[in-house]
């Protein structure tokens, strides 16, 4: 629910997570970057609280497995479900 959005995990948990240790060239998570620069998020638009690699594991795993087994063409429903989940988490995906 919404209550989980206001709760931040302890900093040591963030460092321990493999998601935060690895990633696209060691880029900071968008939410951390926004906090560091002091810019406020746009009202009504959710700001991602994690790297995109960590978001939506419940749709990412079936999508990846489908693509590995059947190829991208046959997995459009899985890909779209994952993209919708990412959008809901605040990521800007096509």
Protein backbone atom coordinates (compact mmCIF):
# COMPACT_ATOMS: atom_id res chain seq x y z
CA UNK A 1 0.00 0.00 0.00
CA UNK A 2 0.89 3.65 0.18
CA UNK A 3 2.35 3.40 3.68
CA UNK A 4 5.41 1.56 2.34
CA UNK A 5 6.30 4.57 0.16
CA UNK A 6 7.03 6.78 3.15
CA UNK A 7 9.25 4.21 4.85
CA UNK A 8 12.88 4.21 3.75
CA UNK A 9 15.07 1.17 4.31
CA UNK A 10 18.15 1.71 6.47
CA UNK A 11 21.21 2.87 4.54
CA UNK A 12 23.14 -0.30 5.39
CA UNK A 13 20.42 -2.37 3.72
CA UNK A 14 20.77 -0.30 0.57
CA UNK A 15 24.51 -0.92 0.44
CA UNK A 16 24.07 -4.63 1.10
CA UNK A 17 21.65 -5.08 -1.79
CA UNK A 18 23.35 -6.39 -4.93
CA UNK A 19 21.06 -4.16 -6.96
CA UNK A 20 22.58 -1.03 -5.52
CA UNK A 21 26.13 -2.38 -5.65
CA UNK A 22 25.91 -3.24 -9.34
CA UNK A 23 24.16 -1.50 -12.18
CA UNK A 24 24.54 0.75 -15.17
CA UNK A 25 28.06 2.09 -14.74
CA UNK A 26 27.58 2.60 -11.02
CA UNK A 27 24.96 5.31 -11.61
CA UNK A 28 23.09 6.51 -8.57
CA UNK A 29 19.47 5.47 -8.17
CA UNK A 30 17.21 8.25 -9.53
CA UNK A 31 15.49 8.80 -6.18
CA UNK A 32 18.83 9.21 -4.40
CA UNK A 33 20.02 11.60 -7.09
CA UNK A 34 16.88 13.74 -6.77
CA UNK A 35 17.33 13.86 -2.99
CA UNK A 36 20.98 14.87 -3.35
CA UNK A 37 20.26 17.75 -5.71
CA UNK A 38 17.38 18.98 -3.58
CA UNK A 39 14.94 19.04 -6.49
CA UNK A 40 11.38 18.18 -5.55
CA UNK A 41 9.53 15.54 -7.57
CA UNK A 42 6.75 16.63 -9.91
CA UNK A 43 3.42 16.38 -8.09
CA UNK A 44 1.41 13.36 -9.20
CA UNK A 45 4.41 11.62 -10.79
CA UNK A 46 5.94 8.77 -8.84
CA UNK A 47 9.71 8.93 -8.43
CA UNK A 48 11.54 5.59 -8.76
CA UNK A 49 12.88 4.39 -5.40
CA UNK A 50 15.27 1.82 -6.90
CA UNK A 51 17.30 1.11 -10.01
CA UNK A 52 15.30 -0.16 -12.96
CA UNK A 53 17.13 -3.52 -12.74
CA UNK A 54 15.54 -4.10 -9.32
CA UNK A 55 12.01 -2.99 -10.12
CA UNK A 56 9.16 -5.40 -10.82
CA UNK A 57 10.85 -8.77 -10.25
CA UNK A 58 7.39 -10.39 -10.44
CA UNK A 59 7.08 -9.41 -14.13
CA UNK A 60 10.79 -9.35 -15.02
CA UNK A 61 11.48 -13.04 -14.33
CA UNK A 62 8.62 -14.43 -16.48
CA UNK A 63 9.46 -11.94 -19.24
CA UNK A 64 13.15 -12.94 -19.26
CA UNK A 65 12.32 -16.64 -19.18
CA UNK A 66 9.81 -16.29 -22.03
CA UNK A 67 12.33 -14.39 -24.19
CA UNK A 68 15.05 -16.97 -23.47
CA UNK A 69 12.75 -19.88 -24.39
CA UNK A 70 10.67 -18.39 -27.24
CA UNK A 71 12.28 -15.19 -28.48
CA UNK A 72 11.10 -11.61 -28.09
CA UNK A 73 8.41 -11.81 -30.82
CA UNK A 74 6.35 -14.41 -28.94
CA UNK A 75 6.60 -12.64 -25.57
CA UNK A 76 5.00 -9.26 -26.28
CA UNK A 77 2.40 -9.75 -23.50
CA UNK A 78 5.14 -10.43 -20.92
CA UNK A 79 7.19 -7.46 -22.15
CA UNK A 80 4.19 -5.12 -22.03
CA UNK A 81 3.20 -6.32 -18.54
CA UNK A 82 6.74 -5.60 -17.31
CA UNK A 83 6.78 -2.17 -18.98
CA UNK A 84 3.43 -1.29 -17.37
CA UNK A 85 4.82 -2.30 -13.98
CA UNK A 86 7.93 -0.16 -14.53
CA UNK A 87 5.75 2.84 -15.49
CA UNK A 88 3.72 2.33 -12.31
CA UNK A 89 6.99 2.47 -10.34
CA UNK A 90 7.85 5.83 -11.92
CA UNK A 91 10.22 4.76 -14.71
CA UNK A 92 9.88 6.38 -18.14
CA UNK A 93 9.65 3.43 -20.54
CA UNK A 94 8.26 3.34 -24.07
